[in-house]
Amino acid sequence: MSPLGAAVAALVPAVIVACAGIEAALPPGSWIVYRPTADRKLVHVRVVDDTRAGVVVRVRGFEIESRRLVREENP
C-alpha cells in the first residue's frame, strides 16, 4: 500500500480503491479513494453515509503533498 493509502486507511473504517459501480457494495462509513487523471496532485474521496450502505453523502478533494482539504461538495 502506498504511504497515502496507509495514511487514509488509518483515518477511516474502510477504504476502497475506486472501481466502477463499487458504491452499492460498500459498508456504511466507507471512503472511496481515487486519483483524477487530469491532476495527479489531488486525491478525491467519496464518503459513504454512516448508516446507509452504498449511499455517498460527500465528495472531498485533498492535495496529496500537504494532505489539505481543498474541496468539499455534495454528490
N, C-alpha and C. Protein backbone atom coordinates (compact mmCIF):
# COMPACT_ATOMS: atom_id res chain seq x y z
N MET A 1 0.85 -1.17 0.00
CA MET A 1 0.00 0.00 0.00
C MET A 1 0.90 1.23 0.00
N SER A 2 0.50 2.26 -0.74
CA SER A 2 1.27 3.50 -0.81
C SER A 2 1.20 4.24 0.53
N PRO A 3 2.14 5.16 0.78
CA PRO A 3 2.08 5.95 2.01
C PRO A 3 0.76 6.72 2.14
N LEU A 4 0.26 7.26 1.02
CA LEU A 4 -1.02 7.97 1.07
C LEU A 4 -2.14 7.02 1.44
N GLY A 5 -2.17 5.86 0.83
CA GLY A 5 -3.20 4.87 1.15
C GLY A 5 -3.15 4.46 2.60
N ALA A 6 -1.95 4.26 3.13
CA ALA A 6 -1.80 3.88 4.53
C ALA A 6 -2.29 4.99 5.45
N ALA A 7 -1.99 6.25 5.11
CA ALA A 7 -2.44 7.38 5.93
C ALA A 7 -3.96 7.49 5.94
N VAL A 8 -4.57 7.33 4.78
CA VAL A 8 -6.03 7.40 4.69
C VAL A 8 -6.66 6.21 5.41
N ALA A 9 -6.09 5.03 5.24
CA ALA A 9 -6.63 3.83 5.88
C ALA A 9 -6.62 3.95 7.39
N ALA A 10 -5.67 4.66 7.93
CA ALA A 10 -5.60 4.85 9.38
C ALA A 10 -6.71 5.76 9.89
N LEU A 11 -7.32 6.54 9.01
CA LEU A 11 -8.32 7.52 9.42
C LEU A 11 -9.75 7.01 9.37
N VAL A 12 -10.03 6.04 8.55
CA VAL A 12 -11.41 5.62 8.32
C VAL A 12 -11.56 4.11 8.47
N PRO A 13 -12.78 3.64 8.75
CA PRO A 13 -13.00 2.21 8.95
C PRO A 13 -12.75 1.35 7.71
N ALA A 14 -13.10 1.83 6.56
CA ALA A 14 -12.91 1.04 5.34
C ALA A 14 -12.54 1.97 4.20
N VAL A 15 -11.43 1.70 3.55
CA VAL A 15 -11.01 2.49 2.41
C VAL A 15 -10.99 1.57 1.21
N ILE A 16 -11.66 1.96 0.16
CA ILE A 16 -11.78 1.15 -1.04
C ILE A 16 -11.18 1.94 -2.20
N VAL A 17 -10.29 1.32 -2.95
CA VAL A 17 -9.79 1.95 -4.16
C VAL A 17 -10.90 1.87 -5.19
N ALA A 18 -11.19 2.99 -5.82
CA ALA A 18 -12.38 3.10 -6.66
C ALA A 18 -12.33 2.21 -7.90
N CYS A 19 -13.46 1.63 -8.21
CA CYS A 19 -13.72 0.99 -9.49
C CYS A 19 -15.21 1.17 -9.78
N ALA A 20 -15.56 1.11 -11.03
CA ALA A 20 -16.92 1.44 -11.45
C ALA A 20 -17.98 0.64 -10.69
N GLY A 21 -19.00 1.34 -10.19
CA GLY A 21 -20.14 0.70 -9.55
C GLY A 21 -19.89 0.17 -8.16
N ILE A 22 -18.78 0.52 -7.52
CA ILE A 22 -18.43 -0.04 -6.23
C ILE A 22 -19.33 0.46 -5.09
N GLU A 23 -19.93 1.65 -5.24
CA GLU A 23 -20.71 2.24 -4.16
C GLU A 23 -21.76 1.31 -3.59
N ALA A 24 -22.46 0.58 -4.43
CA ALA A 24 -23.56 -0.28 -3.98
C ALA A 24 -23.09 -1.40 -3.06
N ALA A 25 -21.84 -1.77 -3.12
CA ALA A 25 -21.32 -2.89 -2.33
C ALA A 25 -20.62 -2.47 -1.05
N LEU A 26 -20.55 -1.17 -0.78
CA LEU A 26 -19.76 -0.70 0.35
C LEU A 26 -20.53 -0.66 1.65
N PRO A 27 -19.85 -0.94 2.77
CA PRO A 27 -20.49 -0.83 4.08
C PRO A 27 -20.61 0.64 4.51
N PRO A 28 -21.49 0.94 5.46
CA PRO A 28 -21.61 2.30 5.97
C PRO A 28 -20.27 2.81 6.50
N GLY A 29 -20.01 4.11 6.30
CA GLY A 29 -18.81 4.75 6.81
C GLY A 29 -17.57 4.58 5.95
N SER A 30 -17.67 3.93 4.81
CA SER A 30 -16.51 3.71 3.94
C SER A 30 -16.11 4.98 3.21
N TRP A 31 -14.86 5.01 2.78
CA TRP A 31 -14.37 6.05 1.88
C TRP A 31 -13.94 5.39 0.60
N ILE A 32 -14.30 5.99 -0.52
CA ILE A 32 -13.86 5.53 -1.85
C ILE A 32 -12.80 6.54 -2.29
N VAL A 33 -11.58 6.07 -2.46
CA VAL A 33 -10.45 6.95 -2.76
C VAL A 33 -10.03 6.74 -4.21
N TYR A 34 -9.89 7.84 -4.95
CA TYR A 34 -9.42 7.74 -6.33
C TYR A 34 -8.66 8.99 -6.72
N ARG A 35 -7.77 8.84 -7.69
CA ARG A 35 -6.99 9.97 -8.19
C ARG A 35 -7.47 10.32 -9.59
N PRO A 36 -7.78 11.60 -9.80
CA PRO A 36 -8.18 12.02 -11.14
C PRO A 36 -7.00 11.95 -12.10
N THR A 37 -7.27 11.62 -13.34
CA THR A 37 -6.19 11.53 -14.32
C THR A 37 -5.70 12.90 -14.76
N ALA A 38 -6.54 13.92 -14.67
CA ALA A 38 -6.17 15.26 -15.13
C ALA A 38 -5.22 15.97 -14.16
N ASP A 39 -5.32 15.70 -12.87
CA ASP A 39 -4.48 16.38 -11.88
C ASP A 39 -3.97 15.37 -10.86
N ARG A 40 -2.77 14.88 -11.05
CA ARG A 40 -2.20 13.83 -10.20
C ARG A 40 -1.75 14.36 -8.83
N LYS A 41 -1.92 15.67 -8.59
CA LYS A 41 -1.57 16.24 -7.28
C LYS A 41 -2.73 16.15 -6.30
N LEU A 42 -3.88 15.68 -6.76
CA LEU A 42 -5.07 15.59 -5.92
C LEU A 42 -5.49 14.14 -5.73
N VAL A 43 -6.21 13.91 -4.66
CA VAL A 43 -6.89 12.64 -4.46
C VAL A 43 -8.34 13.00 -4.10
N HIS A 44 -9.28 12.28 -4.67
CA HIS A 44 -10.70 12.50 -4.39
C HIS A 44 -11.21 11.40 -3.48
N VAL A 45 -12.11 11.76 -2.59
CA VAL A 45 -12.68 10.81 -1.65
C VAL A 45 -14.20 10.95 -1.69
N ARG A 46 -14.88 9.84 -1.95
CA ARG A 46 -16.34 9.81 -1.87
C ARG A 46 -16.68 9.15 -0.55
N VAL A 47 -17.43 9.85 0.30
CA VAL A 47 -17.72 9.40 1.66
C VAL A 47 -19.10 8.74 1.69
N VAL A 48 -19.14 7.48 2.14
CA VAL A 48 -20.40 6.73 2.25
C VAL A 48 -21.04 7.05 3.59
N ASP A 49 -22.36 7.24 3.59
CA ASP A 49 -23.13 7.57 4.79
C ASP A 49 -22.81 6.59 5.93
N ASP A 50 -22.82 7.10 7.16
CA ASP A 50 -22.51 6.26 8.33
C ASP A 50 -23.58 5.22 8.64
N THR A 51 -24.80 5.42 8.16
CA THR A 51 -25.88 4.48 8.48
C THR A 51 -26.47 3.77 7.28
N ARG A 52 -26.21 4.29 6.06
CA ARG A 52 -26.81 3.71 4.85
C ARG A 52 -25.71 3.20 3.92
N ALA A 53 -25.58 1.91 3.84
CA ALA A 53 -24.57 1.30 2.98
C ALA A 53 -24.77 1.73 1.53
N GLY A 54 -23.67 2.07 0.86
CA GLY A 54 -23.71 2.39 -0.56
C GLY A 54 -24.19 3.78 -0.93
N VAL A 55 -24.56 4.61 0.05
CA VAL A 55 -25.06 5.96 -0.23
C VAL A 55 -23.94 6.98 -0.01
N VAL A 56 -23.46 7.58 -1.09
CA VAL A 56 -22.40 8.59 -1.00
C VAL A 56 -23.02 9.92 -0.59
N VAL A 57 -22.48 10.51 0.49
CA VAL A 57 -23.05 11.75 1.02
C VAL A 57 -22.14 12.97 0.83
N ARG A 58 -20.85 12.77 0.62
CA ARG A 58 -19.92 13.88 0.42
C ARG A 58 -18.85 13.47 -0.57
N VAL A 59 -18.34 14.47 -1.28
CA VAL A 59 -17.19 14.28 -2.16
C VAL A 59 -16.15 15.30 -1.72
N ARG A 60 -14.97 14.81 -1.37
CA ARG A 60 -13.91 15.69 -0.87
C ARG A 60 -12.69 15.58 -1.78
N GLY A 61 -11.97 16.68 -1.89
CA GLY A 61 -10.73 16.70 -2.65
C GLY A 61 -9.59 17.10 -1.74
N PHE A 62 -8.52 16.31 -1.74
CA PHE A 62 -7.35 16.58 -0.91
C PHE A 62 -6.12 16.78 -1.78
N GLU A 63 -5.29 17.72 -1.39
CA GLU A 63 -3.99 17.90 -2.01
C GLU A 63 -3.06 16.85 -1.41
N ILE A 64 -2.46 16.02 -2.24
CA ILE A 64 -1.69 14.89 -1.74
C ILE A 64 -0.48 15.33 -0.91
N GLU A 65 0.29 16.25 -1.43
CA GLU A 65 1.53 16.62 -0.75
C GLU A 65 1.30 17.20 0.64
N SER A 66 0.34 18.09 0.78
CA SER A 66 0.08 18.75 2.07
C SER A 66 -1.00 18.04 2.89
N ARG A 67 -1.75 17.12 2.24
CA ARG A 67 -2.89 16.42 2.86
C ARG A 67 -4.01 17.39 3.25
N ARG A 68 -4.02 18.55 2.62
CA ARG A 68 -5.00 19.60 2.92
C ARG A 68 -6.28 19.38 2.13
N LEU A 69 -7.42 19.58 2.80
CA LEU A 69 -8.72 19.54 2.14
C LEU A 69 -8.85 20.78 1.27
N VAL A 70 -9.06 20.60 -0.04
CA VAL A 70 -9.15 21.73 -0.95
C VAL A 70 -10.54 21.90 -1.55
N ARG A 71 -11.39 20.89 -1.39
CA ARG A 71 -12.74 20.97 -1.96
C ARG A 71 -13.65 20.00 -1.22
N GLU A 72 -14.89 20.42 -1.00
CA GLU A 72 -15.88 19.53 -0.41
C GLU A 72 -17.25 19.92 -0.99
N GLU A 73 -17.99 18.91 -1.43
CA GLU A 73 -19.30 19.18 -2.04
C GLU A 73 -20.23 17.99 -1.86
N ASN A 74 -21.50 18.24 -2.10
CA ASN A 74 -22.49 17.15 -2.11
C ASN A 74 -22.38 16.42 -3.44
N PRO A 75 -22.68 15.12 -3.46
CA PRO A 75 -22.59 14.37 -4.74
C PRO A 75 -23.63 14.83 -5.74
